[in-house]
Amino acid sequence: MASGRVFGYLQDMPIVNVIVTLIIIGVVLGLINLIPMQSTIKSIINAIVVIAVVLWLLYGFGIITHSGNIHMPVVNLPVSK
């Protein structure tokens, strides 16, 4: 892998871009909910968008890879002496 990536691809994307993207997705979902349509269709659209965003974040932070493997990040706790 190039550019010193550990895993995932959000290491190269600043957190501000991730937050702005999530805000834009929230605004779009809010606008979709303003459109008059059957509530079942709105629920399906909302569920699909939320699942897609969660998967995007999991891929981005390297928890899930494109091959389907799940990598949990290693947490290094300080050792008390």
Protein backbone atom coordinates (compact mmCIF):
# COMPACT_ATOMS: atom_id res chain seq x y z
CA MET A 1 0.00 0.00 0.00
CA ALA A 2 1.17 3.46 -0.80
CA SER A 3 1.40 6.63 1.26
CA GLY A 4 1.96 4.92 4.61
CA ARG A 5 -1.58 3.70 5.13
CA VAL A 6 -2.08 1.38 8.05
CA PHE A 7 -5.49 0.14 6.90
CA GLY A 8 -8.63 1.74 5.60
CA TYR A 9 -8.79 4.90 3.56
CA LEU A 10 -10.02 7.54 5.98
CA GLN A 11 -6.48 7.97 7.33
CA ASP A 12 -5.87 10.17 4.28
CA MET A 13 -9.21 11.97 4.64
CA PRO A 14 -9.31 14.71 7.28
CA ILE A 15 -11.93 14.26 9.98
CA VAL A 16 -13.48 17.60 8.97
CA ASN A 17 -14.35 16.11 5.56
CA VAL A 18 -15.98 13.11 7.25
CA ILE A 19 -18.06 15.37 9.51
CA VAL A 20 -19.11 17.60 6.60
CA THR A 21 -20.09 14.53 4.58
CA LEU A 22 -22.19 13.21 7.48
CA ILE A 23 -23.89 16.61 7.85
CA ILE A 24 -24.70 16.72 4.13
CA ILE A 25 -26.13 13.19 4.28
CA GLY A 26 -28.26 14.22 7.28
CA VAL A 27 -29.60 17.26 5.44
CA VAL A 28 -30.43 15.15 2.39
CA LEU A 29 -32.26 12.63 4.60
CA GLY A 30 -34.18 15.49 6.20
CA LEU A 31 -35.17 16.82 2.79
CA ILE A 32 -36.27 13.35 1.66
CA ASN A 33 -38.47 13.12 4.76
CA LEU A 34 -40.17 16.40 3.77
CA ILE A 35 -41.30 14.94 0.43
CA PRO A 36 -44.87 13.65 0.66
CA MET A 37 -44.76 9.90 0.07
CA GLN A 38 -45.86 6.74 1.78
CA SER A 39 -44.22 6.27 5.19
CA THR A 40 -43.12 2.72 4.33
CA ILE A 41 -41.08 3.99 1.38
CA LYS A 42 -39.52 6.72 3.55
CA SER A 43 -38.55 4.13 6.15
CA ILE A 44 -36.93 1.92 3.52
CA ILE A 45 -34.99 4.85 2.04
CA ASN A 46 -33.84 5.96 5.50
CA ALA A 47 -32.73 2.43 6.42
CA ILE A 48 -30.78 2.02 3.17
CA VAL A 49 -29.00 5.35 3.62
CA VAL A 50 -28.14 4.65 7.27
CA ILE A 51 -26.80 1.17 6.45
CA ALA A 52 -24.73 2.58 3.58
CA VAL A 53 -23.24 5.32 5.80
CA VAL A 54 -22.41 2.85 8.58
CA LEU A 55 -20.70 0.52 6.09
CA TRP A 56 -18.79 3.48 4.60
CA LEU A 57 -17.54 4.45 8.04
CA LEU A 58 -16.59 0.85 8.92
CA TYR A 59 -14.65 0.52 5.66
CA GLY A 60 -13.11 3.93 6.12
CA PHE A 61 -11.78 3.26 9.59
CA GLY A 62 -10.47 -0.14 8.52
CA ILE A 63 -12.76 -2.24 10.69
CA ILE A 64 -14.13 -4.06 7.64
CA THR A 65 -12.02 -4.71 4.53
CA HIS A 66 -13.30 -5.11 0.98
CA SER A 67 -12.55 -8.84 1.18
CA GLY A 68 -15.03 -9.17 4.06
CA ASN A 69 -12.45 -9.65 6.81
CA ILE A 70 -13.14 -7.86 10.08
CA HIS A 71 -10.18 -6.13 11.75
CA MET A 72 -10.74 -4.71 15.19
CA PRO A 73 -8.38 -1.84 15.99
CA VAL A 74 -5.75 -2.59 18.63
CA VAL A 75 -6.10 -0.46 21.75
CA ASN A 76 -2.83 0.06 23.64
CA LEU A 77 -3.58 0.74 27.28
CA PRO A 78 -0.93 2.33 29.44
CA VAL A 79 0.77 -0.12 31.79
CA SER A 80 0.89 1.06 35.40
CA LYS A 81 4.06 0.33 37.32
